[in-house]
Amino acid sequence: MTTSRIAGLLVLCALPFFAESALADKAEWADKWEGSYDPGRALRRSDVAIGLSLGVALGGVSGYPNDVQKLNDPAYEANLGAAAGGAGAVWLGGALRDWFVVGIGYASSTTTGHGYTSVARDFILHIEGFPLFAKGGAWQNLALIGDFGGGAQKITKQDLTSADGGAMAFVAFGVLYEPLRLGDHFSGGPVLEVTEQFSDSLNATLVTGGFQIAFYGGPS
């Protein structure tokens, strides 16, 4: 038997021992990592979370009838100009960590301008992240927020539909600061968002500002 064949046989015989050793090391590392990871006791938010926000909306809304022959035709455009009105949202979810809250909910707005009225209704995924929570103090109350979803919006004038957005996408980004504490489970504070709702036939860009109150199931 040649030397190369002998070496090959030795390698083949040794492979099971190397594989077993590698698997043992991997299992030991995983046990140590999982055993050492502890997010700690929740300090500010945990368990179920429910939020409600109300405020004002300012911006621009314009659109066309949901008819391909009338799209982008100035003769059929409905434009609110500098629109103003009210906005609100409600959501239900959970505080997965002190610094991360997620939920699903419903948002709406009603704005008027130039004799038109625009009404929007959307189902949303609501996300709040508190990126500086670990710094403590007031930073634990400052969040970046986002809402993502879709819905419908129409522009009317004298109860007649002037523009219809059909199925529309909804995106919003903003900031939340909730320093107010009401008992063990309620928090509140101002919220400011820029929202964009759009489709082929309608577009709305609004700045919404208001107050949000939230309920957290824990910690007590």
N, C-alpha and C. Protein backbone atom coordinates (compact mmCIF):
# COMPACT_ATOMS: atom_id res chain seq x y z
N MET A 1 0.86 -1.20 0.00
CA MET A 1 0.00 0.00 0.00
C MET A 1 0.89 1.24 0.00
N THR A 2 0.56 2.18 -0.87
CA THR A 2 1.39 3.37 -0.98
C THR A 2 1.19 4.29 0.21
N THR A 3 2.17 5.20 0.34
CA THR A 3 2.10 6.17 1.45
C THR A 3 0.87 7.07 1.34
N SER A 4 0.51 7.48 0.11
CA SER A 4 -0.63 8.37 -0.07
C SER A 4 -1.94 7.70 0.32
N ARG A 5 -2.04 6.39 0.03
CA ARG A 5 -3.25 5.67 0.41
C ARG A 5 -3.36 5.54 1.93
N ILE A 6 -2.21 5.27 2.56
CA ILE A 6 -2.21 5.18 4.03
C ILE A 6 -2.64 6.51 4.66
N ALA A 7 -2.10 7.61 4.12
CA ALA A 7 -2.47 8.94 4.64
C ALA A 7 -3.96 9.20 4.46
N GLY A 8 -4.47 8.80 3.29
CA GLY A 8 -5.91 8.99 3.03
C GLY A 8 -6.77 8.23 4.01
N LEU A 9 -6.39 6.98 4.30
CA LEU A 9 -7.16 6.19 5.25
C LEU A 9 -7.12 6.79 6.65
N LEU A 10 -5.96 7.33 7.04
CA LEU A 10 -5.85 7.97 8.36
C LEU A 10 -6.76 9.19 8.47
N VAL A 11 -6.82 9.97 7.37
CA VAL A 11 -7.70 11.15 7.38
C VAL A 11 -9.15 10.74 7.50
N LEU A 12 -9.56 9.71 6.74
CA LEU A 12 -10.93 9.24 6.81
C LEU A 12 -11.29 8.73 8.19
N CYS A 13 -10.35 8.05 8.81
CA CYS A 13 -10.61 7.55 10.17
C CYS A 13 -10.72 8.67 11.19
N ALA A 14 -9.97 9.74 10.95
CA ALA A 14 -9.96 10.85 11.91
C ALA A 14 -11.15 11.79 11.77
N LEU A 15 -11.78 11.84 10.58
CA LEU A 15 -12.87 12.79 10.34
C LEU A 15 -14.00 12.69 11.35
N PRO A 16 -14.48 11.47 11.71
CA PRO A 16 -15.57 11.42 12.71
C PRO A 16 -15.22 12.07 14.03
N PHE A 17 -13.93 11.93 14.44
CA PHE A 17 -13.52 12.51 15.72
C PHE A 17 -13.51 14.05 15.65
N PHE A 18 -13.02 14.59 14.49
CA PHE A 18 -13.03 16.05 14.32
C PHE A 18 -14.45 16.59 14.29
N ALA A 19 -15.34 15.88 13.58
CA ALA A 19 -16.73 16.33 13.47
C ALA A 19 -17.40 16.32 14.84
N GLU A 20 -17.17 15.25 15.61
CA GLU A 20 -17.77 15.17 16.94
C GLU A 20 -17.27 16.28 17.84
N SER A 21 -15.97 16.57 17.75
CA SER A 21 -15.39 17.63 18.57
C SER A 21 -15.97 18.99 18.20
N ALA A 22 -16.12 19.22 16.87
CA ALA A 22 -16.66 20.51 16.40
C ALA A 22 -18.10 20.70 16.86
N LEU A 23 -18.91 19.62 16.77
CA LEU A 23 -20.31 19.71 17.21
C LEU A 23 -20.39 19.96 18.70
N ALA A 24 -19.51 19.32 19.46
CA ALA A 24 -19.51 19.52 20.92
C ALA A 24 -19.16 20.96 21.26
N ASP A 25 -18.16 21.51 20.57
CA ASP A 25 -17.76 22.91 20.81
C ASP A 25 -18.91 23.85 20.47
N LYS A 26 -19.60 23.56 19.35
CA LYS A 26 -20.71 24.42 18.93
C LYS A 26 -21.84 24.38 19.95
N ALA A 27 -22.18 23.17 20.43
CA ALA A 27 -23.24 23.05 21.42
C ALA A 27 -22.88 23.76 22.71
N GLU A 28 -21.62 23.64 23.13
CA GLU A 28 -21.17 24.31 24.35
C GLU A 28 -21.25 25.82 24.22
N TRP A 29 -20.84 26.33 23.04
CA TRP A 29 -20.90 27.78 22.81
C TRP A 29 -22.34 28.27 22.83
N ALA A 30 -23.24 27.50 22.18
CA ALA A 30 -24.66 27.90 22.13
C ALA A 30 -25.25 27.93 23.53
N ASP A 31 -24.92 26.91 24.35
CA ASP A 31 -25.46 26.87 25.72
C ASP A 31 -24.98 28.06 26.54
N LYS A 32 -23.70 28.41 26.37
CA LYS A 32 -23.16 29.54 27.11
C LYS A 32 -23.82 30.85 26.68
N TRP A 33 -24.01 31.01 25.35
CA TRP A 33 -24.59 32.26 24.85
C TRP A 33 -26.03 32.41 25.32
N GLU A 34 -26.81 31.32 25.16
CA GLU A 34 -28.22 31.39 25.56
C GLU A 34 -28.34 31.57 27.06
N GLY A 35 -27.46 30.95 27.80
CA GLY A 35 -27.54 31.07 29.24
C GLY A 35 -27.14 32.44 29.74
N SER A 36 -26.29 33.14 29.00
CA SER A 36 -25.81 34.44 29.45
C SER A 36 -26.69 35.58 28.98
N TYR A 37 -27.58 35.33 27.97
CA TYR A 37 -28.41 36.41 27.46
C TYR A 37 -29.60 36.64 28.38
N ASP A 38 -29.70 37.84 28.89
CA ASP A 38 -30.82 38.20 29.77
C ASP A 38 -31.18 39.65 29.50
N PRO A 39 -32.34 39.89 28.86
CA PRO A 39 -32.72 41.27 28.56
C PRO A 39 -33.00 42.11 29.80
N GLY A 40 -33.13 41.45 30.94
CA GLY A 40 -33.38 42.18 32.18
C GLY A 40 -34.85 42.48 32.38
N ARG A 41 -35.16 42.95 33.55
CA ARG A 41 -36.54 43.27 33.90
C ARG A 41 -36.98 44.52 33.16
N ALA A 42 -38.20 44.50 32.62
CA ALA A 42 -38.75 45.67 31.94
C ALA A 42 -38.88 46.83 32.91
N LEU A 43 -38.44 48.01 32.49
CA LEU A 43 -38.47 49.19 33.34
C LEU A 43 -39.60 50.15 32.98
N ARG A 44 -39.98 50.16 31.72
CA ARG A 44 -40.89 51.21 31.25
C ARG A 44 -42.09 50.68 30.47
N ARG A 45 -41.86 49.65 29.64
CA ARG A 45 -42.93 49.13 28.78
C ARG A 45 -42.79 47.62 28.65
N SER A 46 -43.93 46.91 28.70
CA SER A 46 -43.94 45.47 28.45
C SER A 46 -45.38 45.01 28.26
N ASP A 47 -45.52 43.77 27.79
CA ASP A 47 -46.83 43.13 27.64
C ASP A 47 -47.69 43.85 26.59
N VAL A 48 -49.00 43.77 26.76
CA VAL A 48 -49.91 44.35 25.78
C VAL A 48 -49.77 45.88 25.74
N ALA A 49 -49.98 46.44 24.55
CA ALA A 49 -49.89 47.90 24.39
C ALA A 49 -51.05 48.37 23.51
N ILE A 50 -51.66 49.47 23.92
CA ILE A 50 -52.77 50.07 23.17
C ILE A 50 -52.51 51.57 23.08
N GLY A 51 -52.67 52.13 21.89
CA GLY A 51 -52.42 53.55 21.71
C GLY A 51 -53.55 54.27 21.02
N LEU A 52 -53.75 55.52 21.38
CA LEU A 52 -54.75 56.38 20.76
C LEU A 52 -54.15 57.76 20.59
N SER A 53 -54.21 58.31 19.36
CA SER A 53 -53.70 59.65 19.11
C SER A 53 -54.73 60.50 18.39
N LEU A 54 -54.76 61.78 18.73
CA LEU A 54 -55.67 62.74 18.10
C LEU A 54 -54.89 64.03 17.87
N GLY A 55 -55.19 64.70 16.74
CA GLY A 55 -54.47 65.93 16.47
C GLY A 55 -54.99 66.65 15.24
N VAL A 56 -54.17 67.54 14.73
CA VAL A 56 -54.52 68.34 13.56
C VAL A 56 -53.65 67.91 12.38
N ALA A 57 -54.13 68.21 11.17
CA ALA A 57 -53.41 67.85 9.95
C ALA A 57 -53.34 69.07 9.02
N LEU A 58 -52.16 69.31 8.47
CA LEU A 58 -51.94 70.40 7.52
C LEU A 58 -51.17 69.86 6.32
N GLY A 59 -51.52 70.32 5.12
CA GLY A 59 -50.77 69.86 3.96
C GLY A 59 -51.52 70.05 2.66
N GLY A 60 -51.21 69.18 1.71
CA GLY A 60 -51.81 69.29 0.39
C GLY A 60 -52.43 67.98 -0.04
N VAL A 61 -53.60 68.09 -0.70
CA VAL A 61 -54.32 66.93 -1.22
C VAL A 61 -54.85 67.28 -2.60
N SER A 62 -54.60 66.44 -3.56
CA SER A 62 -55.13 66.66 -4.91
C SER A 62 -55.35 65.32 -5.58
N GLY A 63 -56.29 65.30 -6.53
CA GLY A 63 -56.55 64.04 -7.21
C GLY A 63 -57.49 64.19 -8.38
N TYR A 64 -57.79 63.04 -8.98
CA TYR A 64 -58.64 62.98 -10.17
C TYR A 64 -59.65 61.85 -9.98
N PRO A 65 -60.71 61.84 -10.77
CA PRO A 65 -61.62 60.69 -10.75
C PRO A 65 -60.85 59.41 -11.09
N ASN A 66 -61.26 58.30 -10.52
CA ASN A 66 -60.58 57.03 -10.78
C ASN A 66 -61.02 56.47 -12.13
N ASP A 67 -60.65 57.22 -13.15
CA ASP A 67 -61.03 56.91 -14.53
C ASP A 67 -59.82 57.20 -15.41
N VAL A 68 -59.32 56.19 -16.13
CA VAL A 68 -58.10 56.36 -16.89
C VAL A 68 -58.20 57.48 -17.92
N GLN A 69 -59.38 57.77 -18.40
CA GLN A 69 -59.55 58.83 -19.39
C GLN A 69 -59.50 60.24 -18.79
N LYS A 70 -59.59 60.32 -17.46
CA LYS A 70 -59.59 61.63 -16.80
C LYS A 70 -58.33 61.88 -15.97
N LEU A 71 -57.47 60.86 -15.86
CA LEU A 71 -56.25 61.03 -15.07
C LEU A 71 -55.34 62.09 -15.68
N ASN A 72 -54.80 62.94 -14.80
CA ASN A 72 -53.85 63.99 -15.20
C ASN A 72 -54.43 65.00 -16.18
N ASP A 73 -55.74 65.06 -16.26
CA ASP A 73 -56.41 66.07 -17.08
C ASP A 73 -56.78 67.24 -16.17
N PRO A 74 -56.19 68.43 -16.37
CA PRO A 74 -56.47 69.57 -15.49
C PRO A 74 -57.94 69.90 -15.34
N ALA A 75 -58.73 69.56 -16.34
CA ALA A 75 -60.16 69.86 -16.28
C ALA A 75 -60.86 69.07 -15.19
N TYR A 76 -60.27 67.95 -14.77
CA TYR A 76 -60.91 67.09 -13.76
C TYR A 76 -60.17 67.08 -12.43
N GLU A 77 -59.15 67.90 -12.29
CA GLU A 77 -58.38 67.90 -11.06
C GLU A 77 -59.13 68.55 -9.91
N ALA A 78 -59.08 67.91 -8.75
CA ALA A 78 -59.61 68.48 -7.51
C ALA A 78 -58.42 68.74 -6.58
N ASN A 79 -58.20 70.01 -6.25
CA ASN A 79 -57.02 70.40 -5.47
C ASN A 79 -57.48 71.21 -4.26
N LEU A 80 -57.11 70.72 -3.07
CA LEU A 80 -57.52 71.41 -1.84
C LEU A 80 -56.62 72.59 -1.51
N GLY A 81 -55.52 72.76 -2.23
CA GLY A 81 -54.60 73.83 -1.90
C GLY A 81 -53.98 73.59 -0.53
N ALA A 82 -53.95 74.63 0.31
CA ALA A 82 -53.44 74.48 1.68
C ALA A 82 -54.56 73.89 2.55
N ALA A 83 -54.55 72.58 2.68
CA ALA A 83 -55.63 71.89 3.38
C ALA A 83 -55.36 71.85 4.89
N ALA A 84 -56.43 71.82 5.66
CA ALA A 84 -56.32 71.72 7.11
C ALA A 84 -57.48 70.91 7.64
N GLY A 85 -57.25 70.24 8.77
CA GLY A 85 -58.31 69.44 9.35
C GLY A 85 -57.82 68.67 10.56
N GLY A 86 -58.41 67.51 10.77
CA GLY A 86 -58.07 66.69 11.93
C GLY A 86 -57.60 65.30 11.53
N ALA A 87 -56.87 64.64 12.43
CA ALA A 87 -56.37 63.30 12.18
C ALA A 87 -56.32 62.52 13.48
N GLY A 88 -56.36 61.21 13.36
CA GLY A 88 -56.29 60.36 14.55
C GLY A 88 -55.94 58.94 14.18
N ALA A 89 -55.57 58.17 15.18
CA ALA A 89 -55.23 56.76 14.97
C ALA A 89 -55.42 55.99 16.26
N VAL A 90 -55.69 54.70 16.12
CA VAL A 90 -55.78 53.80 17.26
C VAL A 90 -55.10 52.49 16.86
N TRP A 91 -54.35 51.88 17.78
CA TRP A 91 -53.65 50.65 17.47
C TRP A 91 -53.58 49.74 18.70
N LEU A 92 -53.42 48.46 18.42
CA LEU A 92 -53.34 47.44 19.46
C LEU A 92 -52.16 46.53 19.14
N GLY A 93 -51.33 46.27 20.14
CA GLY A 93 -50.17 45.42 19.90
C GLY A 93 -49.49 45.04 21.19
N GLY A 94 -48.15 45.09 21.17
CA GLY A 94 -47.40 44.71 22.35
C GLY A 94 -46.07 45.44 22.44
N ALA A 95 -45.60 45.60 23.68
CA ALA A 95 -44.26 46.15 23.92
C ALA A 95 -43.32 44.96 24.04
N LEU A 96 -42.60 44.64 22.96
CA LEU A 96 -41.72 43.48 22.95
C LEU A 96 -40.48 43.71 23.82
N ARG A 97 -40.08 44.94 23.92
CA ARG A 97 -38.99 45.37 24.80
C ARG A 97 -39.33 46.76 25.30
N ASP A 98 -38.59 47.25 26.29
CA ASP A 98 -38.75 48.62 26.75
C ASP A 98 -38.63 49.61 25.59
N TRP A 99 -37.83 49.24 24.59
CA TRP A 99 -37.49 50.17 23.52
C TRP A 99 -38.12 49.82 22.18
N PHE A 100 -39.05 48.83 22.16
CA PHE A 100 -39.65 48.43 20.88
C PHE A 100 -41.10 48.05 21.07
N VAL A 101 -41.98 48.78 20.36
CA VAL A 101 -43.42 48.56 20.44
C VAL A 101 -43.96 48.38 19.02
N VAL A 102 -44.85 47.42 18.83
CA VAL A 102 -45.42 47.18 17.51
C VAL A 102 -46.91 46.86 17.66
N GLY A 103 -47.70 47.28 16.68
CA GLY A 103 -49.14 47.01 16.73
C GLY A 103 -49.78 47.18 15.37
N ILE A 104 -51.03 46.81 15.29
CA ILE A 104 -51.83 47.03 14.08
C ILE A 104 -53.00 47.93 14.45
N GLY A 105 -53.42 48.76 13.50
CA GLY A 105 -54.48 49.69 13.85
C GLY A 105 -55.13 50.37 12.66
N TYR A 106 -55.74 51.49 12.97
CA TYR A 106 -56.57 52.22 12.01
C TYR A 106 -56.27 53.71 12.14
N ALA A 107 -56.05 54.37 11.00
CA ALA A 107 -55.77 55.81 10.99
C ALA A 107 -56.76 56.51 10.07
N SER A 108 -57.08 57.75 10.40
CA SER A 108 -58.01 58.50 9.57
C SER A 108 -57.66 59.99 9.61
N SER A 109 -58.10 60.69 8.58
CA SER A 109 -57.94 62.15 8.54
C SER A 109 -59.05 62.76 7.70
N THR A 110 -59.42 63.97 8.05
CA THR A 110 -60.40 64.74 7.29
C THR A 110 -59.88 66.15 7.13
N THR A 111 -59.68 66.58 5.89
CA THR A 111 -59.16 67.92 5.62
C THR A 111 -60.05 68.64 4.62
N THR A 112 -60.01 69.98 4.68
CA THR A 112 -60.82 70.80 3.78
C THR A 112 -59.97 71.92 3.18
N GLY A 113 -60.41 72.41 2.02
CA GLY A 113 -59.73 73.52 1.36
C GLY A 113 -60.31 73.77 -0.02
N HIS A 114 -60.44 75.03 -0.38
CA HIS A 114 -60.97 75.43 -1.70
C HIS A 114 -62.35 74.82 -1.97
N GLY A 115 -63.15 74.68 -0.92
CA GLY A 115 -64.49 74.14 -1.09
C GLY A 115 -64.57 72.63 -1.15
N TYR A 116 -63.41 71.95 -1.09
CA TYR A 116 -63.38 70.49 -1.14
C TYR A 116 -63.19 69.90 0.26
N THR A 117 -63.60 68.65 0.41
CA THR A 117 -63.36 67.88 1.63
C THR A 117 -62.73 66.55 1.25
N SER A 118 -61.66 66.22 1.94
CA SER A 118 -60.96 64.96 1.69
C SER A 118 -61.03 64.09 2.95
N VAL A 119 -61.43 62.85 2.77
CA VAL A 119 -61.54 61.91 3.88
C VAL A 119 -60.69 60.68 3.56
N ALA A 120 -59.78 60.33 4.48
CA ALA A 120 -58.88 59.18 4.30
C ALA A 120 -59.10 58.18 5.43
N ARG A 121 -59.07 56.91 5.07
CA ARG A 121 -59.20 55.83 6.04
C ARG A 121 -58.15 54.76 5.71
N ASP A 122 -57.34 54.35 6.71
CA ASP A 122 -56.24 53.43 6.44
C ASP A 122 -56.07 52.41 7.55
N PHE A 123 -55.70 51.19 7.16
CA PHE A 123 -55.27 50.16 8.11
C PHE A 123 -53.74 50.17 8.13
N ILE A 124 -53.15 50.13 9.33
CA ILE A 124 -51.71 50.38 9.44
C ILE A 124 -51.01 49.34 10.32
N LEU A 125 -49.71 49.20 10.05
CA LEU A 125 -48.78 48.55 10.96
C LEU A 125 -48.03 49.67 11.67
N HIS A 126 -48.14 49.72 12.99
CA HIS A 126 -47.56 50.81 13.78
C HIS A 126 -46.32 50.31 14.50
N ILE A 127 -45.19 51.05 14.37
CA ILE A 127 -43.93 50.67 14.99
C ILE A 127 -43.35 51.86 15.75
N GLU A 128 -42.89 51.60 16.97
CA GLU A 128 -42.20 52.61 17.78
C GLU A 128 -40.87 52.04 18.25
N GLY A 129 -39.81 52.79 18.03
CA GLY A 129 -38.50 52.39 18.52
C GLY A 129 -37.90 53.51 19.36
N PHE A 130 -37.37 53.16 20.52
CA PHE A 130 -36.75 54.13 21.44
C PHE A 130 -35.24 53.90 21.41
N PRO A 131 -34.54 54.43 20.41
CA PRO A 131 -33.14 54.06 20.17
C PRO A 131 -32.17 54.47 21.26
N LEU A 132 -32.51 55.46 22.08
CA LEU A 132 -31.60 55.93 23.12
C LEU A 132 -32.08 55.54 24.52
N PHE A 133 -32.88 54.49 24.59
CA PHE A 133 -33.45 54.08 25.88
C PHE A 133 -32.36 53.78 26.91
N ALA A 134 -31.27 53.18 26.46
CA ALA A 134 -30.21 52.78 27.40
C ALA A 134 -29.56 53.97 28.09
N LYS A 135 -29.69 55.17 27.54
CA LYS A 135 -29.10 56.36 28.16
C LYS A 135 -29.86 56.79 29.41
N GLY A 136 -31.11 56.29 29.56
CA GLY A 136 -31.88 56.61 30.75
C GLY A 136 -32.51 58.00 30.70
N GLY A 137 -33.17 58.35 31.78
CA GLY A 137 -33.78 59.66 31.90
C GLY A 137 -34.81 59.94 30.82
N ALA A 138 -34.81 61.17 30.33
CA ALA A 138 -35.79 61.59 29.33
C ALA A 138 -35.65 60.82 28.02
N TRP A 139 -34.46 60.27 27.74
CA TRP A 139 -34.26 59.53 26.49
C TRP A 139 -35.15 58.29 26.43
N GLN A 140 -35.58 57.78 27.57
CA GLN A 140 -36.43 56.60 27.59
C GLN A 140 -37.83 56.89 27.06
N ASN A 141 -38.15 58.16 26.88
CA ASN A 141 -39.49 58.54 26.41
C ASN A 141 -39.50 59.03 24.97
N LEU A 142 -38.35 59.06 24.31
CA LEU A 142 -38.25 59.60 22.95
C LEU A 142 -38.20 58.46 21.94
N ALA A 143 -39.15 58.47 20.99
CA ALA A 143 -39.24 57.38 20.03
C ALA A 143 -39.29 57.90 18.60
N LEU A 144 -38.74 57.09 17.71
CA LEU A 144 -38.96 57.25 16.28
C LEU A 144 -40.10 56.31 15.90
N ILE A 145 -41.08 56.81 15.15
CA ILE A 145 -42.25 56.00 14.84
C ILE A 145 -42.48 55.90 13.34
N GLY A 146 -43.13 54.83 12.95
CA GLY A 146 -43.48 54.64 11.55
C GLY A 146 -44.81 53.92 11.44
N ASP A 147 -45.58 54.30 10.44
CA ASP A 147 -46.86 53.64 10.15
C ASP A 147 -46.85 53.25 8.67
N PHE A 148 -47.26 52.01 8.40
CA PHE A 148 -47.23 51.50 7.04
C PHE A 148 -48.51 50.72 6.77
N GLY A 149 -49.12 50.96 5.62
CA GLY A 149 -50.35 50.24 5.32
C GLY A 149 -51.01 50.73 4.06
N GLY A 150 -52.32 50.71 4.07
CA GLY A 150 -53.07 51.13 2.90
C GLY A 150 -54.52 51.34 3.24
N GLY A 151 -55.23 51.99 2.31
CA GLY A 151 -56.64 52.27 2.54
C GLY A 151 -57.25 52.99 1.36
N ALA A 152 -58.13 53.91 1.67
CA ALA A 152 -58.87 54.63 0.63
C ALA A 152 -59.00 56.10 0.99
N GLN A 153 -59.15 56.93 -0.01
CA GLN A 153 -59.35 58.36 0.20
C GLN A 153 -60.15 58.93 -0.97
N LYS A 154 -61.07 59.81 -0.64
CA LYS A 154 -61.88 60.47 -1.66
C LYS A 154 -61.92 61.97 -1.39
N ILE A 155 -62.10 62.73 -2.45
CA ILE A 155 -62.29 64.17 -2.37
C ILE A 155 -63.70 64.46 -2.85
N THR A 156 -64.45 65.18 -2.03
CA THR A 156 -65.83 65.50 -2.40
C THR A 156 -66.06 67.02 -2.39
N LYS A 157 -67.07 67.42 -3.10
CA LYS A 157 -67.50 68.82 -3.11
C LYS A 157 -69.01 68.85 -3.21
N GLN A 158 -69.63 69.43 -2.20
CA GLN A 158 -71.08 69.45 -2.11
C GLN A 158 -71.65 68.04 -2.21
N ASP A 159 -71.05 67.13 -1.47
CA ASP A 159 -71.48 65.73 -1.36
C ASP A 159 -71.32 64.94 -2.65
N LEU A 160 -70.65 65.49 -3.64
CA LEU A 160 -70.38 64.76 -4.88
C LEU A 160 -68.89 64.41 -4.95
N THR A 161 -68.58 63.20 -5.40
CA THR A 161 -67.19 62.76 -5.47
C THR A 161 -66.47 63.44 -6.62
N SER A 162 -65.42 64.19 -6.29
CA SER A 162 -64.62 64.87 -7.31
C SER A 162 -63.35 64.09 -7.66
N ALA A 163 -62.83 63.30 -6.71
CA ALA A 163 -61.64 62.50 -6.94
C ALA A 163 -61.70 61.26 -6.07
N ASP A 164 -61.19 60.15 -6.60
CA ASP A 164 -61.22 58.87 -5.88
C ASP A 164 -59.86 58.22 -6.03
N GLY A 165 -59.20 57.97 -4.91
CA GLY A 165 -57.87 57.38 -4.94
C GLY A 165 -57.84 55.88 -5.14
N GLY A 166 -59.01 55.22 -5.09
CA GLY A 166 -59.02 53.77 -5.20
C GLY A 166 -58.25 53.14 -4.04
N ALA A 167 -57.51 52.07 -4.34
CA ALA A 167 -56.66 51.44 -3.32
C ALA A 167 -55.36 52.23 -3.22
N MET A 168 -55.08 52.78 -2.03
CA MET A 168 -53.95 53.67 -1.85
C MET A 168 -52.95 53.13 -0.83
N ALA A 169 -51.68 53.45 -1.05
CA ALA A 169 -50.63 53.11 -0.10
C ALA A 169 -50.51 54.23 0.94
N PHE A 170 -50.07 53.85 2.14
CA PHE A 170 -49.94 54.81 3.24
C PHE A 170 -48.60 54.61 3.93
N VAL A 171 -47.85 55.70 4.10
CA VAL A 171 -46.55 55.67 4.79
C VAL A 171 -46.45 56.91 5.66
N ALA A 172 -45.96 56.75 6.88
CA ALA A 172 -45.78 57.89 7.77
C ALA A 172 -44.55 57.67 8.65
N PHE A 173 -43.82 58.75 8.89
CA PHE A 173 -42.66 58.72 9.78
C PHE A 173 -42.75 59.92 10.72
N GLY A 174 -42.27 59.73 11.95
CA GLY A 174 -42.33 60.84 12.88
C GLY A 174 -41.60 60.57 14.18
N VAL A 175 -41.90 61.42 15.17
CA VAL A 175 -41.30 61.31 16.50
C VAL A 175 -42.39 61.38 17.56
N LEU A 176 -42.13 60.71 18.65
CA LEU A 176 -43.04 60.67 19.79
C LEU A 176 -42.24 60.94 21.05
N TYR A 177 -42.82 61.75 21.94
CA TYR A 177 -42.19 61.98 23.25
C TYR A 177 -43.29 61.83 24.29
N GLU A 178 -43.16 60.80 25.15
CA GLU A 178 -44.23 60.50 26.11
C GLU A 178 -43.72 60.55 27.55
N PRO A 179 -43.50 61.75 28.10
CA PRO A 179 -42.99 61.87 29.46
C PRO A 179 -44.06 61.75 30.54
N LEU A 180 -45.32 61.90 30.17
CA LEU A 180 -46.39 61.91 31.17
C LEU A 180 -46.72 60.50 31.61
N ARG A 181 -46.80 60.29 32.91
CA ARG A 181 -47.15 58.99 33.48
C ARG A 181 -48.44 59.14 34.28
N LEU A 182 -49.42 58.29 33.96
CA LEU A 182 -50.69 58.28 34.68
C LEU A 182 -50.83 56.91 35.34
N GLY A 183 -50.51 56.85 36.61
CA GLY A 183 -50.53 55.58 37.31
C GLY A 183 -49.41 54.67 36.82
N ASP A 184 -49.64 53.36 36.90
CA ASP A 184 -48.61 52.39 36.55
C ASP A 184 -48.62 52.01 35.08
N HIS A 185 -49.71 52.29 34.37
CA HIS A 185 -49.86 51.69 33.05
C HIS A 185 -50.09 52.67 31.90
N PHE A 186 -50.34 53.93 32.17
CA PHE A 186 -50.64 54.88 31.11
C PHE A 186 -49.50 55.88 30.93
N SER A 187 -49.20 56.17 29.67
CA SER A 187 -48.19 57.17 29.32
C SER A 187 -48.76 58.05 28.22
N GLY A 188 -48.26 59.29 28.15
CA GLY A 188 -48.76 60.20 27.12
C GLY A 188 -47.77 61.27 26.77
N GLY A 189 -47.98 61.87 25.59
CA GLY A 189 -47.11 62.94 25.16
C GLY A 189 -47.37 63.33 23.72
N PRO A 190 -46.69 64.36 23.24
CA PRO A 190 -46.92 64.87 21.88
C PRO A 190 -46.33 63.94 20.82
N VAL A 191 -46.96 63.94 19.65
CA VAL A 191 -46.50 63.14 18.52
C VAL A 191 -46.58 64.00 17.26
N LEU A 192 -45.58 63.85 16.39
CA LEU A 192 -45.51 64.62 15.15
C LEU A 192 -45.12 63.67 14.02
N GLU A 193 -45.90 63.68 12.93
CA GLU A 193 -45.63 62.78 11.81
C GLU A 193 -45.79 63.50 10.47
N VAL A 194 -45.07 63.01 9.49
CA VAL A 194 -45.29 63.38 8.09
C VAL A 194 -45.87 62.16 7.41
N THR A 195 -47.05 62.30 6.81
CA THR A 195 -47.73 61.17 6.19
C THR A 195 -47.85 61.37 4.69
N GLU A 196 -47.77 60.26 3.98
CA GLU A 196 -47.91 60.28 2.53
C GLU A 196 -48.86 59.16 2.14
N GLN A 197 -49.94 59.54 1.44
CA GLN A 197 -50.89 58.57 0.92
C GLN A 197 -50.98 58.78 -0.59
N PHE A 198 -50.85 57.70 -1.37
CA PHE A 198 -50.73 57.91 -2.80
C PHE A 198 -51.26 56.73 -3.62
N SER A 199 -51.71 57.07 -4.83
CA SER A 199 -52.10 56.10 -5.84
C SER A 199 -51.99 56.81 -7.19
N ASP A 200 -52.39 56.15 -8.26
CA ASP A 200 -52.31 56.78 -9.58
C ASP A 200 -53.22 58.00 -9.70
N SER A 201 -54.31 58.01 -8.94
CA SER A 201 -55.30 59.07 -9.12
C SER A 201 -55.38 60.09 -8.00
N LEU A 202 -54.64 59.89 -6.88
CA LEU A 202 -54.74 60.84 -5.77
C LEU A 202 -53.45 60.83 -4.97
N ASN A 203 -53.10 61.99 -4.46
CA ASN A 203 -51.90 62.11 -3.61
C ASN A 203 -52.18 63.07 -2.46
N ALA A 204 -51.76 62.66 -1.27
CA ALA A 204 -51.95 63.52 -0.09
C ALA A 204 -50.68 63.51 0.74
N THR A 205 -50.17 64.69 1.03
CA THR A 205 -49.00 64.84 1.90
C THR A 205 -49.40 65.74 3.06
N LEU A 206 -49.37 65.19 4.26
CA LEU A 206 -49.84 65.93 5.44
C LEU A 206 -48.82 65.87 6.56
N VAL A 207 -48.76 66.94 7.32
CA VAL A 207 -48.03 66.97 8.58
C VAL A 207 -49.08 66.91 9.68
N THR A 208 -49.01 65.90 10.52
CA THR A 208 -49.99 65.74 11.59
C THR A 208 -49.30 65.90 12.94
N GLY A 209 -49.90 66.66 13.80
CA GLY A 209 -49.36 66.86 15.14
C GLY A 209 -50.47 66.73 16.16
N GLY A 210 -50.17 66.08 17.27
CA GLY A 210 -51.21 65.89 18.27
C GLY A 210 -50.67 65.29 19.54
N PHE A 211 -51.51 64.52 20.20
CA PHE A 211 -51.19 63.92 21.49
C PHE A 211 -51.53 62.45 21.45
N GLN A 212 -50.63 61.62 21.94
CA GLN A 212 -50.89 60.18 22.03
C GLN A 212 -50.91 59.74 23.48
N ILE A 213 -51.87 58.90 23.80
CA ILE A 213 -51.91 58.26 25.10
C ILE A 213 -51.83 56.76 24.87
N ALA A 214 -51.00 56.07 25.65
CA ALA A 214 -50.78 54.64 25.47
C ALA A 214 -50.97 53.90 26.79
N PHE A 215 -51.50 52.69 26.69
CA PHE A 215 -51.62 51.79 27.83
C PHE A 215 -50.63 50.64 27.66
N TYR A 216 -49.84 50.34 28.71
CA TYR A 216 -48.92 49.22 28.70
C TYR A 216 -49.31 48.26 29.82
N GLY A 217 -49.38 46.98 29.50
CA GLY A 217 -49.77 46.00 30.51
C GLY A 217 -48.75 45.89 31.64
N GLY A 218 -47.51 46.21 31.37
CA GLY A 218 -46.49 46.13 32.41
C GLY A 218 -45.37 47.11 32.12
N PRO A 219 -44.39 47.23 32.99
CA PRO A 219 -44.37 46.58 34.31
C PRO A 219 -45.23 47.32 35.32
N SER A 220 -45.66 46.61 36.34
CA SER A 220 -46.50 47.24 37.37
C SER A 220 -45.62 48.11 38.26
